[in-house]
Amino acid sequence: MDWKKKLLEEGFLELGPFRVELSLDNTFLDLDYIPRVIVYDEVSGSWYVMRNPIPRGETLSEGWKNAVDVLERACRLEEVDLGDREVSRRFIEVFRKFCREF
């Protein structure tokens, strides 16, 4: 199973010191829930929300797929924004290695 399928089916990935999860956000307090990618970093002991914009889908499934596609593209381009440059840098490094090995 490839990592994208695993993330979409199971909702999470374990990547060494990081845990990546798909989550829902309704920050805008409307009826729409926006798929988000959240990352736990064992080193800092904190959760981070990926701030890269995720296009809304027509369905929740399409929204999840968009979130995974944005994660892949952001890691490939080294543009993941977790709100902390050092955590983002370490995450990209681990994620890219994981994708090569998966």
Protein backbone atom coordinates (compact mmCIF):
# COMPACT_ATOMS: atom_id res chain seq x y z
CA MET A 1 0.00 0.00 0.00
CA ASP A 2 1.41 3.41 -0.85
CA TRP A 3 1.65 6.08 1.84
CA LYS A 4 -1.17 8.22 0.35
CA LYS A 5 -3.61 5.32 0.33
CA LYS A 6 -2.57 4.40 3.88
CA LEU A 7 -3.08 7.98 5.10
CA LEU A 8 -6.49 8.22 3.41
CA GLU A 9 -7.66 4.82 4.72
CA GLU A 10 -6.20 4.89 8.23
CA GLY A 11 -6.14 8.65 8.84
CA PHE A 12 -2.58 8.73 10.14
CA LEU A 13 1.07 7.91 9.41
CA GLU A 14 3.94 7.31 11.82
CA LEU A 15 7.16 8.88 10.49
CA GLY A 16 9.89 8.41 13.08
CA PRO A 17 9.55 11.33 15.50
CA PHE A 18 6.46 12.63 13.68
CA ARG A 19 2.84 11.51 13.53
CA VAL A 20 0.78 12.87 10.63
CA GLU A 21 -3.01 12.85 10.95
CA LEU A 22 -5.93 13.98 8.88
CA SER A 23 -8.31 16.11 10.92
CA LEU A 24 -11.32 18.36 10.44
CA ASP A 25 -11.44 22.05 11.27
CA ASN A 26 -14.52 24.21 11.56
CA THR A 27 -12.67 27.31 12.71
CA PHE A 28 -15.05 29.53 10.80
CA LEU A 29 -17.99 28.16 12.84
CA ASP A 30 -20.09 27.50 9.80
CA LEU A 31 -21.44 24.17 8.66
CA ASP A 32 -18.43 23.36 6.49
CA TYR A 33 -15.65 21.27 7.92
CA ILE A 34 -12.27 21.83 6.30
CA PRO A 35 -9.83 18.91 6.06
CA ARG A 36 -6.52 19.64 7.74
CA VAL A 37 -3.18 17.91 8.10
CA ILE A 38 -1.86 17.97 11.66
CA VAL A 39 1.59 16.86 12.72
CA TYR A 40 2.80 15.78 16.17
CA ASP A 41 6.50 16.29 16.85
CA GLU A 42 7.96 14.08 19.59
CA VAL A 43 10.99 16.37 19.92
CA SER A 44 8.96 19.45 20.89
CA GLY A 45 6.03 17.48 22.32
CA SER A 46 3.62 19.67 20.34
CA TRP A 47 0.99 19.42 17.62
CA TYR A 48 1.23 21.63 14.52
CA VAL A 49 -1.39 22.39 11.87
CA MET A 50 -0.08 22.49 8.32
CA ARG A 51 -0.89 26.04 7.19
CA ASN A 52 -0.57 25.43 3.46
CA PRO A 53 -3.97 26.15 1.86
CA ILE A 54 -6.01 23.04 1.08
CA PRO A 55 -8.66 23.42 -1.64
CA ARG A 56 -12.15 22.52 -0.53
CA GLY A 57 -13.61 19.46 -2.20
CA GLU A 58 -17.14 18.84 -3.37
CA THR A 59 -17.26 15.92 -0.92
CA LEU A 60 -15.41 15.13 2.28
CA SER A 61 -13.53 12.35 0.46
CA GLU A 62 -12.38 14.82 -2.18
CA GLY A 63 -11.31 17.22 0.59
CA TRP A 64 -9.19 14.49 2.23
CA LYS A 65 -7.58 13.70 -1.12
CA ASN A 66 -6.82 17.40 -1.63
CA ALA A 67 -5.18 17.54 1.82
CA VAL A 68 -2.94 14.57 1.01
CA ASP A 69 -2.04 16.04 -2.40
CA VAL A 70 -1.11 19.38 -0.80
CA LEU A 71 1.04 17.57 1.78
CA GLU A 72 2.90 15.68 -0.95
CA ARG A 73 3.42 18.78 -3.12
CA ALA A 74 4.53 20.93 -0.17
CA CYS A 75 7.09 18.34 0.93
CA ARG A 76 8.40 17.89 -2.60
CA LEU A 77 8.82 21.66 -2.99
CA GLU A 78 10.11 22.06 0.59
CA GLU A 79 7.32 24.52 1.36
CA VAL A 80 5.56 22.88 4.31
CA ASP A 81 4.38 25.56 6.75
CA LEU A 82 3.86 24.17 10.25
CA GLY A 83 4.24 27.58 11.87
CA ASP A 84 7.78 26.78 13.08
CA ARG A 85 10.61 26.84 10.56
CA GLU A 86 12.83 24.33 12.38
CA VAL A 87 9.99 21.82 12.86
CA SER A 88 8.94 22.29 9.22
CA ARG A 89 12.52 21.70 8.03
CA ARG A 90 12.94 18.53 10.11
CA PHE A 91 9.51 17.28 9.03
CA ILE A 92 10.27 17.76 5.33
CA GLU A 93 13.55 15.90 5.73
CA VAL A 94 11.92 12.92 7.48
CA PHE A 95 8.91 12.91 5.14
CA ARG A 96 11.01 12.91 1.97
CA LYS A 97 13.13 10.03 3.28
CA PHE A 98 9.96 8.13 4.23
CA CYS A 99 8.44 8.61 0.75
CA ARG A 100 11.60 7.28 -0.93
CA GLU A 101 11.56 4.18 1.29
CA PHE A 102 7.80 3.50 1.15
